[in-house]
Amino acid sequence: MENITNETQDAYIQNYETVMQHLFTKFQKEAEELENALEYLKKLREMLVVLDNLKKGLDRLSSFAAASYYIEHDEGLKAKKVEQLELLEKDLMSNADELEKLGFELLDAEKRAGAPPLFGDDSMGGSNVSQPQ
């Protein structure tokens, strides 16, 4: 009977050692996987920081691009306004020249007709508008 008890104990010890070896191996694999997961998390955190910096850079570029667009658009509008003002100035100058010519023609016609000038001749001391007589 003692023989059976020793064999049972030996078998139990053998089984216990096998289970312990299996658990130890499993523990090592789990520890290695945990270490890999922690390393992966560390890399993810670093990538999140890089991503955040990229987003901030993109926001700055977007702001710059929008400002640049508005500046270019505003400059384009200013250039059009300047062009319009230059055309208006030319028209005004042309109208002023035409008005001056018409004024001379009117004075000439009044002299030929012997009528008193509608617009007085300042060089003769008259007023700008002739007074009714």
N, C-alpha and C. Protein backbone atom coordinates (compact mmCIF):
# COMPACT_ATOMS: atom_id res chain seq x y z
N MET A 1 0.81 -1.17 0.00
CA MET A 1 0.00 0.00 0.00
C MET A 1 0.88 1.26 0.00
N GLU A 2 1.94 1.14 0.70
CA GLU A 2 2.86 2.26 0.73
C GLU A 2 3.41 2.51 -0.66
N ASN A 3 3.55 1.46 -1.40
CA ASN A 3 4.04 1.54 -2.77
C ASN A 3 3.05 2.32 -3.64
N ILE A 4 1.79 2.03 -3.47
CA ILE A 4 0.75 2.72 -4.24
C ILE A 4 0.72 4.19 -3.84
N THR A 5 0.87 4.46 -2.59
CA THR A 5 0.84 5.83 -2.10
C THR A 5 2.01 6.61 -2.66
N ASN A 6 3.18 6.00 -2.71
CA ASN A 6 4.36 6.66 -3.28
C ASN A 6 4.17 6.89 -4.77
N GLU A 7 3.63 5.91 -5.43
CA GLU A 7 3.38 6.06 -6.89
C GLU A 7 2.35 7.15 -7.14
N THR A 8 1.32 7.21 -6.32
CA THR A 8 0.27 8.23 -6.47
C THR A 8 0.86 9.61 -6.20
N GLN A 9 1.70 9.67 -5.16
CA GLN A 9 2.33 10.95 -4.86
C GLN A 9 3.27 11.37 -5.99
N ASP A 10 4.02 10.42 -6.51
CA ASP A 10 4.94 10.72 -7.62
C ASP A 10 4.15 11.20 -8.85
N ALA A 11 3.04 10.51 -9.12
CA ALA A 11 2.19 10.90 -10.26
C ALA A 11 1.60 12.29 -10.03
N TYR A 12 1.18 12.52 -8.80
CA TYR A 12 0.60 13.82 -8.46
C TYR A 12 1.64 14.92 -8.61
N ILE A 13 2.85 14.65 -8.14
CA ILE A 13 3.96 15.62 -8.25
C ILE A 13 4.31 15.84 -9.72
N GLN A 14 4.36 14.75 -10.48
CA GLN A 14 4.67 14.85 -11.92
C GLN A 14 3.60 15.71 -12.61
N ASN A 15 2.35 15.45 -12.31
CA ASN A 15 1.24 16.21 -12.89
C ASN A 15 1.32 17.68 -12.47
N TYR A 16 1.64 17.89 -11.18
CA TYR A 16 1.77 19.24 -10.66
C TYR A 16 2.89 19.99 -11.39
N GLU A 17 4.03 19.37 -11.61
CA GLU A 17 5.15 20.00 -12.30
C GLU A 17 4.80 20.31 -13.76
N THR A 18 4.06 19.40 -14.40
CA THR A 18 3.64 19.62 -15.79
C THR A 18 2.70 20.82 -15.88
N VAL A 19 1.73 20.87 -14.97
CA VAL A 19 0.78 22.00 -14.94
C VAL A 19 1.52 23.30 -14.67
N MET A 20 2.45 23.27 -13.71
CA MET A 20 3.22 24.47 -13.38
C MET A 20 4.07 24.93 -14.58
N GLN A 21 4.70 23.98 -15.26
CA GLN A 21 5.50 24.32 -16.45
C GLN A 21 4.60 24.95 -17.53
N HIS A 22 3.44 24.34 -17.73
CA HIS A 22 2.48 24.86 -18.72
C HIS A 22 2.04 26.28 -18.34
N LEU A 23 1.71 26.49 -17.05
CA LEU A 23 1.28 27.81 -16.59
C LEU A 23 2.41 28.83 -16.70
N PHE A 24 3.63 28.42 -16.40
CA PHE A 24 4.77 29.31 -16.50
C PHE A 24 5.00 29.74 -17.95
N THR A 25 4.92 28.77 -18.87
CA THR A 25 5.07 29.08 -20.30
C THR A 25 3.97 30.04 -20.76
N LYS A 26 2.75 29.75 -20.32
CA LYS A 26 1.62 30.62 -20.67
C LYS A 26 1.82 32.01 -20.09
N PHE A 27 2.30 32.08 -18.86
CA PHE A 27 2.57 33.36 -18.21
C PHE A 27 3.62 34.15 -18.99
N GLN A 28 4.69 33.48 -19.44
CA GLN A 28 5.74 34.15 -20.21
C GLN A 28 5.18 34.72 -21.51
N LYS A 29 4.34 33.93 -22.19
CA LYS A 29 3.74 34.40 -23.45
C LYS A 29 2.85 35.62 -23.19
N GLU A 30 2.04 35.55 -22.13
CA GLU A 30 1.15 36.65 -21.79
C GLU A 30 1.95 37.90 -21.43
N ALA A 31 3.03 37.73 -20.68
CA ALA A 31 3.89 38.85 -20.29
C ALA A 31 4.52 39.49 -21.53
N GLU A 32 4.94 38.65 -22.47
CA GLU A 32 5.53 39.14 -23.72
C GLU A 32 4.48 39.91 -24.53
N GLU A 33 3.26 39.37 -24.60
CA GLU A 33 2.19 40.06 -25.33
C GLU A 33 1.85 41.39 -24.66
N LEU A 34 1.84 41.40 -23.34
CA LEU A 34 1.58 42.64 -22.61
C LEU A 34 2.67 43.67 -22.89
N GLU A 35 3.91 43.23 -22.90
CA GLU A 35 5.02 44.12 -23.20
C GLU A 35 4.89 44.68 -24.61
N ASN A 36 4.53 43.83 -25.57
CA ASN A 36 4.32 44.28 -26.95
C ASN A 36 3.16 45.28 -27.03
N ALA A 37 2.09 45.00 -26.28
CA ALA A 37 0.94 45.90 -26.28
C ALA A 37 1.31 47.25 -25.69
N LEU A 38 2.12 47.25 -24.62
CA LEU A 38 2.56 48.51 -24.01
C LEU A 38 3.44 49.30 -24.97
N GLU A 39 4.30 48.61 -25.68
CA GLU A 39 5.15 49.27 -26.68
C GLU A 39 4.29 49.87 -27.79
N TYR A 40 3.27 49.11 -28.21
CA TYR A 40 2.35 49.58 -29.25
C TYR A 40 1.59 50.82 -28.76
N LEU A 41 1.15 50.81 -27.51
CA LEU A 41 0.47 51.98 -26.94
C LEU A 41 1.38 53.20 -26.91
N LYS A 42 2.64 52.96 -26.56
CA LYS A 42 3.60 54.05 -26.53
C LYS A 42 3.75 54.67 -27.93
N LYS A 43 3.85 53.81 -28.94
CA LYS A 43 3.96 54.29 -30.32
C LYS A 43 2.69 55.03 -30.74
N LEU A 44 1.53 54.53 -30.30
CA LEU A 44 0.26 55.19 -30.62
C LEU A 44 0.21 56.59 -30.01
N ARG A 45 0.67 56.70 -28.77
CA ARG A 45 0.70 58.03 -28.12
C ARG A 45 1.60 58.98 -28.90
N GLU A 46 2.77 58.49 -29.31
CA GLU A 46 3.68 59.32 -30.10
C GLU A 46 3.03 59.73 -31.42
N MET A 47 2.32 58.78 -32.04
CA MET A 47 1.65 59.07 -33.30
C MET A 47 0.52 60.08 -33.10
N LEU A 48 -0.17 60.00 -31.95
CA LEU A 48 -1.23 60.97 -31.66
C LEU A 48 -0.65 62.38 -31.49
N VAL A 49 0.51 62.47 -30.88
CA VAL A 49 1.17 63.78 -30.74
C VAL A 49 1.53 64.33 -32.12
N VAL A 50 2.08 63.47 -32.97
CA VAL A 50 2.43 63.88 -34.33
C VAL A 50 1.17 64.30 -35.08
N LEU A 51 0.12 63.51 -34.96
CA LEU A 51 -1.14 63.82 -35.62
C LEU A 51 -1.70 65.15 -35.14
N ASP A 52 -1.66 65.39 -33.85
CA ASP A 52 -2.13 66.66 -33.30
C ASP A 52 -1.32 67.83 -33.85
N ASN A 53 0.00 67.66 -33.94
CA ASN A 53 0.85 68.71 -34.51
C ASN A 53 0.52 68.93 -35.98
N LEU A 54 0.26 67.85 -36.70
CA LEU A 54 -0.11 67.98 -38.10
C LEU A 54 -1.44 68.72 -38.27
N LYS A 55 -2.39 68.42 -37.39
CA LYS A 55 -3.68 69.11 -37.43
C LYS A 55 -3.50 70.61 -37.19
N LYS A 56 -2.67 70.93 -36.19
CA LYS A 56 -2.41 72.34 -35.89
C LYS A 56 -1.75 73.03 -37.09
N GLY A 57 -0.80 72.34 -37.71
CA GLY A 57 -0.15 72.89 -38.90
C GLY A 57 -1.14 73.07 -40.03
N LEU A 58 -2.02 72.11 -40.21
CA LEU A 58 -3.04 72.21 -41.25
C LEU A 58 -3.98 73.37 -40.98
N ASP A 59 -4.35 73.56 -39.71
CA ASP A 59 -5.19 74.69 -39.36
C ASP A 59 -4.50 76.01 -39.69
N ARG A 60 -3.20 76.09 -39.37
CA ARG A 60 -2.45 77.31 -39.68
C ARG A 60 -2.38 77.53 -41.19
N LEU A 61 -2.13 76.44 -41.93
CA LEU A 61 -2.08 76.56 -43.39
C LEU A 61 -3.44 76.96 -43.96
N SER A 62 -4.50 76.38 -43.40
CA SER A 62 -5.84 76.73 -43.87
C SER A 62 -6.13 78.20 -43.61
N SER A 63 -5.76 78.66 -42.43
CA SER A 63 -5.96 80.08 -42.10
C SER A 63 -5.15 80.96 -43.04
N PHE A 64 -3.91 80.56 -43.28
CA PHE A 64 -3.06 81.33 -44.18
C PHE A 64 -3.62 81.33 -45.60
N ALA A 65 -4.09 80.16 -46.05
CA ALA A 65 -4.65 80.06 -47.40
C ALA A 65 -5.90 80.92 -47.52
N ALA A 66 -6.74 80.89 -46.49
CA ALA A 66 -7.96 81.71 -46.53
C ALA A 66 -7.59 83.19 -46.55
N ALA A 67 -6.64 83.58 -45.70
CA ALA A 67 -6.22 84.97 -45.67
C ALA A 67 -5.61 85.36 -47.01
N SER A 68 -4.80 84.48 -47.56
CA SER A 68 -4.18 84.75 -48.85
C SER A 68 -5.23 84.91 -49.93
N TYR A 69 -6.25 84.04 -49.90
CA TYR A 69 -7.34 84.14 -50.89
C TYR A 69 -8.04 85.48 -50.76
N TYR A 70 -8.36 85.87 -49.51
CA TYR A 70 -9.07 87.14 -49.32
C TYR A 70 -8.20 88.32 -49.72
N ILE A 71 -6.91 88.24 -49.44
CA ILE A 71 -6.01 89.32 -49.84
C ILE A 71 -5.96 89.41 -51.36
N GLU A 72 -5.78 88.25 -52.03
CA GLU A 72 -5.75 88.26 -53.49
C GLU A 72 -7.07 88.75 -54.06
N HIS A 73 -8.17 88.30 -53.47
CA HIS A 73 -9.48 88.73 -53.93
C HIS A 73 -9.64 90.23 -53.73
N ASP A 74 -9.22 90.72 -52.56
CA ASP A 74 -9.30 92.14 -52.25
C ASP A 74 -8.41 92.94 -53.19
N GLU A 75 -7.20 92.41 -53.46
CA GLU A 75 -6.30 93.11 -54.38
C GLU A 75 -6.90 93.15 -55.78
N GLY A 76 -7.56 92.05 -56.17
CA GLY A 76 -8.23 92.02 -57.47
C GLY A 76 -9.34 93.05 -57.52
N LEU A 77 -10.10 93.17 -56.43
CA LEU A 77 -11.16 94.18 -56.38
C LEU A 77 -10.58 95.59 -56.42
N LYS A 78 -9.47 95.77 -55.69
CA LYS A 78 -8.83 97.09 -55.70
C LYS A 78 -8.33 97.44 -57.10
N ALA A 79 -7.74 96.45 -57.77
CA ALA A 79 -7.25 96.69 -59.13
C ALA A 79 -8.42 97.06 -60.05
N LYS A 80 -9.55 96.37 -59.91
CA LYS A 80 -10.73 96.70 -60.72
C LYS A 80 -11.23 98.10 -60.40
N LYS A 81 -11.24 98.46 -59.11
CA LYS A 81 -11.69 99.80 -58.70
C LYS A 81 -10.76 100.86 -59.30
N VAL A 82 -9.46 100.62 -59.23
CA VAL A 82 -8.50 101.56 -59.79
C VAL A 82 -8.74 101.71 -61.29
N GLU A 83 -8.95 100.59 -61.95
CA GLU A 83 -9.22 100.61 -63.38
C GLU A 83 -10.50 101.40 -63.67
N GLN A 84 -11.55 101.16 -62.87
CA GLN A 84 -12.81 101.88 -63.06
C GLN A 84 -12.62 103.37 -62.81
N LEU A 85 -11.85 103.71 -61.76
CA LEU A 85 -11.60 105.12 -61.45
C LEU A 85 -10.79 105.79 -62.56
N GLU A 86 -9.83 105.06 -63.12
CA GLU A 86 -9.05 105.62 -64.23
C GLU A 86 -9.94 105.88 -65.44
N LEU A 87 -10.84 104.94 -65.73
CA LEU A 87 -11.77 105.14 -66.85
C LEU A 87 -12.70 106.32 -66.57
N LEU A 88 -13.18 106.42 -65.34
CA LEU A 88 -14.05 107.53 -64.97
C LEU A 88 -13.31 108.86 -65.10
N GLU A 89 -12.04 108.87 -64.67
CA GLU A 89 -11.23 110.08 -64.78
C GLU A 89 -11.06 110.48 -66.25
N LYS A 90 -10.80 109.50 -67.11
CA LYS A 90 -10.67 109.79 -68.54
C LYS A 90 -11.96 110.36 -69.10
N ASP A 91 -13.10 109.74 -68.69
CA ASP A 91 -14.40 110.24 -69.14
C ASP A 91 -14.63 111.67 -68.67
N LEU A 92 -14.29 111.94 -67.40
CA LEU A 92 -14.47 113.29 -66.86
C LEU A 92 -13.59 114.30 -67.58
N MET A 93 -12.36 113.89 -67.85
CA MET A 93 -11.44 114.78 -68.57
C MET A 93 -11.97 115.05 -69.98
N SER A 94 -12.47 114.01 -70.60
CA SER A 94 -13.03 114.15 -71.94
C SER A 94 -14.25 115.06 -71.91
N ASN A 95 -15.10 114.85 -70.92
CA ASN A 95 -16.29 115.70 -70.77
C ASN A 95 -15.89 117.14 -70.48
N ALA A 96 -14.87 117.35 -69.66
CA ALA A 96 -14.40 118.70 -69.35
C ALA A 96 -13.86 119.37 -70.62
N ASP A 97 -13.09 118.62 -71.41
CA ASP A 97 -12.58 119.17 -72.68
C ASP A 97 -13.74 119.54 -73.61
N GLU A 98 -14.71 118.63 -73.69
CA GLU A 98 -15.88 118.87 -74.54
C GLU A 98 -16.66 120.08 -74.05
N LEU A 99 -16.83 120.21 -72.75
CA LEU A 99 -17.54 121.34 -72.17
C LEU A 99 -16.80 122.65 -72.45
N GLU A 100 -15.48 122.59 -72.36
CA GLU A 100 -14.68 123.79 -72.63
C GLU A 100 -14.83 124.20 -74.10
N LYS A 101 -14.80 123.23 -75.00
CA LYS A 101 -14.98 123.51 -76.43
C LYS A 101 -16.36 124.11 -76.68
N LEU A 102 -17.37 123.50 -76.05
CA LEU A 102 -18.73 124.02 -76.22
C LEU A 102 -18.85 125.45 -75.68
N GLY A 103 -18.17 125.70 -74.57
CA GLY A 103 -18.18 127.06 -74.00
C GLY A 103 -17.57 128.06 -74.97
N PHE A 104 -16.43 127.68 -75.59
CA PHE A 104 -15.80 128.58 -76.57
C PHE A 104 -16.69 128.77 -77.78
N GLU A 105 -17.32 127.69 -78.22
CA GLU A 105 -18.22 127.79 -79.37
C GLU A 105 -19.40 128.69 -79.04
N LEU A 106 -19.92 128.59 -77.81
CA LEU A 106 -21.04 129.43 -77.40
C LEU A 106 -20.63 130.89 -77.37
N LEU A 107 -19.46 131.19 -76.80
CA LEU A 107 -18.97 132.58 -76.77
C LEU A 107 -18.77 133.10 -78.18
N ASP A 108 -18.22 132.26 -79.05
CA ASP A 108 -17.98 132.67 -80.42
C ASP A 108 -19.31 132.95 -81.13
N ALA A 109 -20.28 132.05 -80.89
CA ALA A 109 -21.59 132.24 -81.52
C ALA A 109 -22.27 133.49 -80.99
N GLU A 110 -22.14 133.78 -79.70
CA GLU A 110 -22.74 134.98 -79.12
C GLU A 110 -22.10 136.23 -79.68
N LYS A 111 -20.78 136.19 -79.89
CA LYS A 111 -20.08 137.36 -80.45
C LYS A 111 -20.55 137.62 -81.88
N ARG A 112 -20.68 136.52 -82.62
CA ARG A 112 -21.12 136.69 -84.01
C ARG A 112 -22.56 137.19 -84.07
N ALA A 113 -23.36 136.76 -83.12
CA ALA A 113 -24.77 137.16 -83.13
C ALA A 113 -24.95 138.53 -82.50
N GLY A 114 -23.97 139.02 -81.84
CA GLY A 114 -24.04 140.31 -81.18
C GLY A 114 -24.88 140.26 -79.92
N ALA A 115 -25.13 139.10 -79.39
CA ALA A 115 -25.94 138.96 -78.18
C ALA A 115 -25.04 139.07 -76.96
N PRO A 116 -25.62 139.51 -75.85
CA PRO A 116 -24.81 139.53 -74.64
C PRO A 116 -24.49 138.09 -74.22
N PRO A 117 -23.29 137.84 -73.75
CA PRO A 117 -22.90 136.47 -73.39
C PRO A 117 -23.73 135.94 -72.21
N LEU A 118 -24.13 134.68 -72.34
CA LEU A 118 -24.84 134.03 -71.24
C LEU A 118 -23.91 133.84 -70.04
N PHE A 119 -22.71 133.51 -70.36
CA PHE A 119 -21.68 133.36 -69.33
C PHE A 119 -20.70 134.47 -69.55
N GLY A 120 -20.58 135.33 -68.54
CA GLY A 120 -19.75 136.51 -68.70
C GLY A 120 -18.31 136.19 -68.91
N ASP A 121 -17.64 137.11 -69.55
CA ASP A 121 -16.22 136.98 -69.82
C ASP A 121 -15.48 137.60 -68.65
N ASP A 122 -14.81 136.80 -67.84
CA ASP A 122 -14.12 137.30 -66.65
C ASP A 122 -13.01 138.28 -66.99
N SER A 123 -12.42 138.11 -68.15
CA SER A 123 -11.32 139.01 -68.51
C SER A 123 -11.83 140.42 -68.75
N MET A 124 -13.14 140.54 -68.98
CA MET A 124 -13.71 141.86 -69.22
C MET A 124 -14.40 142.38 -67.95
N GLY A 125 -14.23 141.65 -66.85
CA GLY A 125 -14.78 142.12 -65.60
C GLY A 125 -16.23 141.71 -65.40
N GLY A 126 -16.76 140.86 -66.23
CA GLY A 126 -18.16 140.46 -66.10
C GLY A 126 -18.30 139.34 -65.07
N SER A 127 -19.51 139.05 -64.74
CA SER A 127 -19.76 137.96 -63.82
C SER A 127 -19.89 136.65 -64.59
N ASN A 128 -19.96 135.57 -63.90
CA ASN A 128 -20.07 134.26 -64.55
C ASN A 128 -21.42 134.09 -65.25
N VAL A 129 -22.45 134.72 -64.70
CA VAL A 129 -23.77 134.60 -65.31
C VAL A 129 -24.22 136.01 -65.64
N SER A 130 -24.67 136.21 -66.87
CA SER A 130 -25.06 137.56 -67.25
C SER A 130 -26.36 137.92 -66.57
N GLN A 131 -26.46 139.19 -66.22
CA GLN A 131 -27.65 139.70 -65.54
C GLN A 131 -28.64 140.17 -66.59
N PRO A 132 -29.91 139.89 -66.38
CA PRO A 132 -30.91 140.37 -67.33
C PRO A 132 -30.94 141.90 -67.31
N GLN A 133 -31.20 142.49 -68.47
CA GLN A 133 -31.13 143.95 -68.58
C GLN A 133 -32.47 144.58 -68.71
